[in-house]
Amino acid sequence: MQEFLIVDGYNIIGAWPKLSKLKDVNLEEARNSLIHMLAEYQSFSGMKTYLVFDAYLVPGIGKQYSQSRLSVLYTKEKETADELIERLVTDLIGRRKQVYVATSDMIEQHVIFGKGALRMSANELLVKVRNSRKEIQGKIANDLIPERNTFDKFMDPAMREKFERMRRGE
């Protein structure tokens, strides 16, 4: 089954403590940090991920680009993130497809649930992102521990026994 994750960007930034503090100082840095974390999570989880940012009051057409295979979408003028998320859910939902929407907006959760998608709260997503990061770091640490390449690994047991007796002086 193919899985998709649609993330309400500003909702998540406001809900995650570290990003919420960062947005008060530098919103662009908070966005970039979320993009980086979700790109890493997408690579680990295998879920195709769409990150949606609201540009409701910004004149112009919507914008979409890919960063590390993560699809980042900005709404067009007079379009809310919720509207774009609902449209994405409608486009993606189908047989052998599971769509998750990460938002803590209760109204949006009810709407997308009615369209057949599953909700994921901001806290649930944070836990999943943190767990994936720990797992990635664990795998990296294990890969860095060199495995001893000993000669006796390639020896048949009888030969190994002879060398062991020689080593002991028998």
Foldseek 3Di string as FASTA:
>chain_A
DAEAEEEAQVQLLCVDVVSVVVCVVPVVVSSVVVLVLVLLLCVQPVHQYEYEYEPQCPADQKDWDADNNHIYIYHHHNDGSLNVVQVVLLVQDDPPYAYEYEGQPVVSQVSSVVSPHHYAYSVNVVVSSVVSVVVVVVVVVVVPPDDDDDPCVPPDPVVVVVVVCVVVVD
